[in-house]
C-alpha atoms as a PDB file:
ATOM      1  CA  UNK A   1     -39.245  33.749 -12.839  1.00  0.00           C
ATOM      2  CA  UNK A   2     -35.572  33.419 -13.597  1.00  0.00           C
ATOM      3  CA  UNK A   3     -34.299  33.334 -10.033  1.00  0.00           C
ATOM      4  CA  UNK A   4     -31.060  31.594  -9.229  1.00  0.00           C
ATOM      5  CA  UNK A   5     -31.042  29.170  -6.303  1.00  0.00           C
ATOM      6  CA  UNK A   6     -28.365  30.103  -3.772  1.00  0.00           C
ATOM      7  CA  UNK A   7     -27.533  26.539  -2.715  1.00  0.00           C
ATOM      8  CA  UNK A   8     -28.707  24.196  -5.473  1.00  0.00           C
ATOM      9  CA  UNK A   9     -29.549  20.647  -4.492  1.00  0.00           C
ATOM     10  CA  UNK A  10     -26.920  18.168  -5.649  1.00  0.00           C
ATOM     11  CA  UNK A  11     -28.674  14.810  -6.034  1.00  0.00           C
ATOM     12  CA  UNK A  12     -26.316  11.859  -6.406  1.00  0.00           C
ATOM     13  CA  UNK A  13     -28.891   9.085  -6.634  1.00  0.00           C
ATOM     14  CA  UNK A  14     -32.645   8.551  -6.758  1.00  0.00           C
ATOM     15  CA  UNK A  15     -33.930   5.274  -5.286  1.00  0.00           C
ATOM     16  CA  UNK A  16     -37.727   5.076  -5.146  1.00  0.00           C
ATOM     17  CA  UNK A  17     -39.405   3.262  -2.250  1.00  0.00           C
ATOM     18  CA  UNK A  18     -42.759   1.685  -3.137  1.00  0.00           C
ATOM     19  CA  UNK A  19     -45.327   1.068  -0.392  1.00  0.00           C
ATOM     20  CA  UNK A  20     -46.724  -2.447  -0.970  1.00  0.00           C
ATOM     21  CA  UNK A  21     -48.980  -4.978   0.720  1.00  0.00           C
ATOM     22  CA  UNK A  22     -46.537  -7.900   0.379  1.00  0.00           C
ATOM     23  CA  UNK A  23     -42.807  -7.229   0.051  1.00  0.00           C
ATOM     24  CA  UNK A  24     -41.799 -10.762  -0.946  1.00  0.00           C
ATOM     25  CA  UNK A  25     -44.475 -11.166  -3.653  1.00  0.00           C
ATOM     26  CA  UNK A  26     -43.614  -7.752  -5.077  1.00  0.00           C
ATOM     27  CA  UNK A  27     -39.882  -8.491  -5.123  1.00  0.00           C
ATOM     28  CA  UNK A  28     -40.563 -11.821  -6.817  1.00  0.00           C
ATOM     29  CA  UNK A  29     -42.596 -10.020  -9.515  1.00  0.00           C
ATOM     30  CA  UNK A  30     -39.688  -7.662 -10.230  1.00  0.00           C
ATOM     31  CA  UNK A  31     -37.070 -10.429 -10.242  1.00  0.00           C
ATOM     32  CA  UNK A  32     -39.135 -12.813 -12.374  1.00  0.00           C
ATOM     33  CA  UNK A  33     -40.501 -10.383 -14.943  1.00  0.00           C
ATOM     34  CA  UNK A  34     -37.923  -7.581 -15.030  1.00  0.00           C
ATOM     35  CA  UNK A  35     -34.655  -9.259 -14.057  1.00  0.00           C
ATOM     36  CA  UNK A  36     -33.979  -7.317 -10.859  1.00  0.00           C
ATOM     37  CA  UNK A  37     -31.731  -8.933  -8.246  1.00  0.00           C
ATOM     38  CA  UNK A  38     -32.430  -8.951  -4.531  1.00  0.00           C
ATOM     39  CA  UNK A  39     -29.816  -6.890  -2.675  1.00  0.00           C
ATOM     40  CA  UNK A  40     -31.268  -7.556   0.787  1.00  0.00           C
ATOM     41  CA  UNK A  41     -34.518  -8.092   2.672  1.00  0.00           C
ATOM     42  CA  UNK A  42     -35.556  -7.084   6.192  1.00  0.00           C
ATOM     43  CA  UNK A  43     -38.013  -9.265   8.114  1.00  0.00           C
ATOM     44  CA  UNK A  44     -40.058  -8.005  11.052  1.00  0.00           C
ATOM     45  CA  UNK A  45     -37.211  -8.405  13.517  1.00  0.00           C
ATOM     46  CA  UNK A  46     -35.086  -5.872  11.577  1.00  0.00           C
ATOM     47  CA  UNK A  47     -32.217  -8.221  10.670  1.00  0.00           C
ATOM     48  CA  UNK A  48     -30.868  -7.945   7.137  1.00  0.00           C
ATOM     49  CA  UNK A  49     -31.095 -11.100   5.018  1.00  0.00           C
ATOM     50  CA  UNK A  50     -29.724 -11.899   1.564  1.00  0.00           C
ATOM     51  CA  UNK A  51     -32.601 -14.212   0.543  1.00  0.00           C
ATOM     52  CA  UNK A  52     -36.284 -14.604   1.261  1.00  0.00           C
ATOM     53  CA  UNK A  53     -37.533 -17.465   3.424  1.00  0.00           C
ATOM     54  CA  UNK A  54     -41.003 -18.831   2.718  1.00  0.00           C
ATOM     55  CA  UNK A  55     -43.488 -18.269   5.495  1.00  0.00           C
ATOM     56  CA  UNK A  56     -41.601 -15.272   6.883  1.00  0.00           C
ATOM     57  CA  UNK A  57     -43.073 -11.754   6.852  1.00  0.00           C
ATOM     58  CA  UNK A  58     -40.872  -8.999   5.397  1.00  0.00           C
ATOM     59  CA  UNK A  59     -41.112  -5.276   5.993  1.00  0.00           C
ATOM     60  CA  UNK A  60     -38.543  -4.047   3.434  1.00  0.00           C
ATOM     61  CA  UNK A  61     -36.457  -5.202   0.462  1.00  0.00           C
ATOM     62  CA  UNK A  62     -33.932  -3.506  -1.813  1.00  0.00           C
ATOM     63  CA  UNK A  63     -33.545  -4.665  -5.422  1.00  0.00           C
ATOM     64  CA  UNK A  64     -31.012  -3.698  -8.075  1.00  0.00           C
ATOM     65  CA  UNK A  65     -30.754  -3.704 -11.831  1.00  0.00           C
ATOM     66  CA  UNK A  66     -27.560  -2.178 -13.189  1.00  0.00           C
ATOM     67  CA  UNK A  67     -27.170   1.180 -11.443  1.00  0.00           C
ATOM     68  CA  UNK A  68     -30.860   1.381 -10.529  1.00  0.00           C
ATOM     69  CA  UNK A  69     -32.000   0.604  -6.995  1.00  0.00           C
ATOM     70  CA  UNK A  70     -35.623   0.293  -5.959  1.00  0.00           C
ATOM     71  CA  UNK A  71     -37.072  -0.638  -2.606  1.00  0.00           C
ATOM     72  CA  UNK A  72     -40.355  -2.062  -1.371  1.00  0.00           C
ATOM     73  CA  UNK A  73     -41.679  -1.357   2.105  1.00  0.00           C
ATOM     74  CA  UNK A  74     -44.738  -2.970   3.645  1.00  0.00           C
ATOM     75  CA  UNK A  75     -47.578  -0.441   3.668  1.00  0.00           C
ATOM     76  CA  UNK A  76     -48.215  -0.390   7.422  1.00  0.00           C
ATOM     77  CA  UNK A  77     -44.546   0.255   8.243  1.00  0.00           C
ATOM     78  CA  UNK A  78     -44.292   2.834   5.448  1.00  0.00           C
ATOM     79  CA  UNK A  79     -47.272   4.716   6.871  1.00  0.00           C
ATOM     80  CA  UNK A  80     -45.863   4.493  10.408  1.00  0.00           C
ATOM     81  CA  UNK A  81     -42.488   5.842   9.273  1.00  0.00           C
ATOM     82  CA  UNK A  82     -43.967   8.678   7.181  1.00  0.00           C
ATOM     83  CA  UNK A  83     -46.969  10.087   9.010  1.00  0.00           C
ATOM     84  CA  UNK A  84     -48.387  12.016   6.058  1.00  0.00           C
ATOM     85  CA  UNK A  85     -48.555   8.771   4.037  1.00  0.00           C
ATOM     86  CA  UNK A  86     -51.330   7.515   6.339  1.00  0.00           C
ATOM     87  CA  UNK A  87     -54.593   6.859   4.506  1.00  0.00           C
ATOM     88  CA  UNK A  88     -52.891   7.241   1.119  1.00  0.00           C
ATOM     89  CA  UNK A  89     -53.668   4.474  -1.387  1.00  0.00           C
ATOM     90  CA  UNK A  90     -50.899   2.398  -2.882  1.00  0.00           C
ATOM     91  CA  UNK A  91     -50.394   2.391  -6.627  1.00  0.00           C
ATOM     92  CA  UNK A  92     -49.546   5.497  -8.485  1.00  0.00           C
ATOM     93  CA  UNK A  93     -50.699   8.515 -10.401  1.00  0.00           C
ATOM     94  CA  UNK A  94     -47.046   8.803 -11.379  1.00  0.00           C
ATOM     95  CA  UNK A  95     -44.939   6.615 -13.644  1.00  0.00           C
ATOM     96  CA  UNK A  96     -41.378   5.494 -13.129  1.00  0.00           C
ATOM     97  CA  UNK A  97     -39.791   6.018 -16.532  1.00  0.00           C
ATOM     98  CA  UNK A  98     -36.661   4.063 -17.444  1.00  0.00           C
ATOM     99  CA  UNK A  99     -34.390   4.025 -20.487  1.00  0.00           C
ATOM    100  CA  UNK A 100     -33.642   0.442 -21.513  1.00  0.00           C
ATOM    101  CA  UNK A 101     -31.857  -1.494 -24.227  1.00  0.00           C
ATOM    102  CA  UNK A 102     -33.658  -4.053 -26.419  1.00  0.00           C
ATOM    103  CA  UNK A 103     -37.105  -2.628 -25.738  1.00  0.00           C
ATOM    104  CA  UNK A 104     -38.782  -4.793 -28.372  1.00  0.00           C
ATOM    105  CA  UNK A 105     -37.461  -7.993 -26.771  1.00  0.00           C
ATOM    106  CA  UNK A 106     -38.583  -6.790 -23.336  1.00  0.00           C
ATOM    107  CA  UNK A 107     -42.014  -5.836 -24.660  1.00  0.00           C
ATOM    108  CA  UNK A 108     -42.542  -9.161 -26.438  1.00  0.00           C
ATOM    109  CA  UNK A 109     -41.451 -11.166 -23.389  1.00  0.00           C
ATOM    110  CA  UNK A 110     -43.708  -9.236 -20.991  1.00  0.00           C
ATOM    111  CA  UNK A 111     -46.628  -9.429 -23.413  1.00  0.00           C
ATOM    112  CA  UNK A 112     -46.196 -13.220 -23.638  1.00  0.00           C
ATOM    113  CA  UNK A 113     -46.363 -13.375 -19.812  1.00  0.00           C
ATOM    114  CA  UNK A 114     -49.867 -11.842 -19.931  1.00  0.00           C
ATOM    115  CA  UNK A 115     -48.966  -8.815 -17.845  1.00  0.00           C
ATOM    116  CA  UNK A 116     -50.932  -5.577 -17.999  1.00  0.00           C
ATOM    117  CA  UNK A 117     -49.019  -3.452 -20.524  1.00  0.00           C
ATOM    118  CA  UNK A 118     -49.755  -0.792 -23.107  1.00  0.00           C
ATOM    119  CA  UNK A 119     -48.916  -1.174 -26.773  1.00  0.00           C
ATOM    120  CA  UNK A 120     -45.348  -0.497 -27.865  1.00  0.00           C
ATOM    121  CA  UNK A 121     -45.384   2.749 -29.835  1.00  0.00           C
ATOM    122  CA  UNK A 122     -43.261   5.675 -30.903  1.00  0.00           C
ATOM    123  CA  UNK A 123     -44.280   8.688 -28.827  1.00  0.00           C
ATOM    124  CA  UNK A 124     -44.597  12.198 -30.227  1.00  0.00           C
ATOM    125  CA  UNK A 125     -41.235  13.074 -28.629  1.00  0.00           C
ATOM    126  CA  UNK A 126     -39.384  10.431 -30.632  1.00  0.00           C
ATOM    127  CA  UNK A 127     -38.914   7.468 -28.309  1.00  0.00           C
ATOM    128  CA  UNK A 128     -40.202   3.936 -28.542  1.00  0.00           C
ATOM    129  CA  UNK A 129     -42.046   3.193 -25.300  1.00  0.00           C
ATOM    130  CA  UNK A 130     -44.595   1.163 -23.391  1.00  0.00           C
ATOM    131  CA  UNK A 131     -45.936   1.043 -19.837  1.00  0.00           C
ATOM    132  CA  UNK A 132     -46.425  -1.839 -17.404  1.00  0.00           C
ATOM    133  CA  UNK A 133     -48.711  -1.904 -14.367  1.00  0.00           C
ATOM    134  CA  UNK A 134     -47.213  -3.978 -11.544  1.00  0.00           C
ATOM    135  CA  UNK A 135     -49.185  -6.118  -9.087  1.00  0.00           C
ATOM    136  CA  UNK A 136     -49.587  -3.133  -6.695  1.00  0.00           C
ATOM    137  CA  UNK A 137     -50.808  -0.699  -9.357  1.00  0.00           C
ATOM    138  CA  UNK A 138     -47.508   1.130  -9.854  1.00  0.00           C
ATOM    139  CA  UNK A 139     -46.821   2.204 -13.420  1.00  0.00           C
ATOM    140  CA  UNK A 140     -43.408   1.517 -14.964  1.00  0.00           C
ATOM    141  CA  UNK A 141     -42.470   3.152 -18.253  1.00  0.00           C
ATOM    142  CA  UNK A 142     -39.830   1.674 -20.548  1.00  0.00           C
ATOM    143  CA  UNK A 143     -38.273   3.698 -23.362  1.00  0.00           C
ATOM    144  CA  UNK A 144     -35.579   3.528 -26.009  1.00  0.00           C
ATOM    145  CA  UNK A 145     -34.653   6.124 -28.632  1.00  0.00           C
ATOM    146  CA  UNK A 146     -36.566   5.380 -31.846  1.00  0.00           C
END
């Protein structure tokens, strides 16, 4: 099975979009616990805003941390936009694995915040890692060379 692809895909960036029940609460989790910054948010009327307003419903938000971008889209709009996502549960049977600096500091801080995390350990493939489950059930992996 050593076939060469005629026109290989050239991916310049990967920005995951998470389907969530509440965009603002999810974004606040990521900014508070993981240090992400809000790039923009989109309320129901499709305008782009730079901050969240309390009491307003949001359908989408983009967050950044360094070169990483992640987005959160309200579940009903996600399922309307992507028809084969209908009736799919949120959360994940996949993890989003990230290389970070100062993993021990990050681990200790998150552990002190009583979040759902695994133990920090050196994996069989030689990296120090742990996993965090966010408020929607998505699994985030954090790793640093041991």
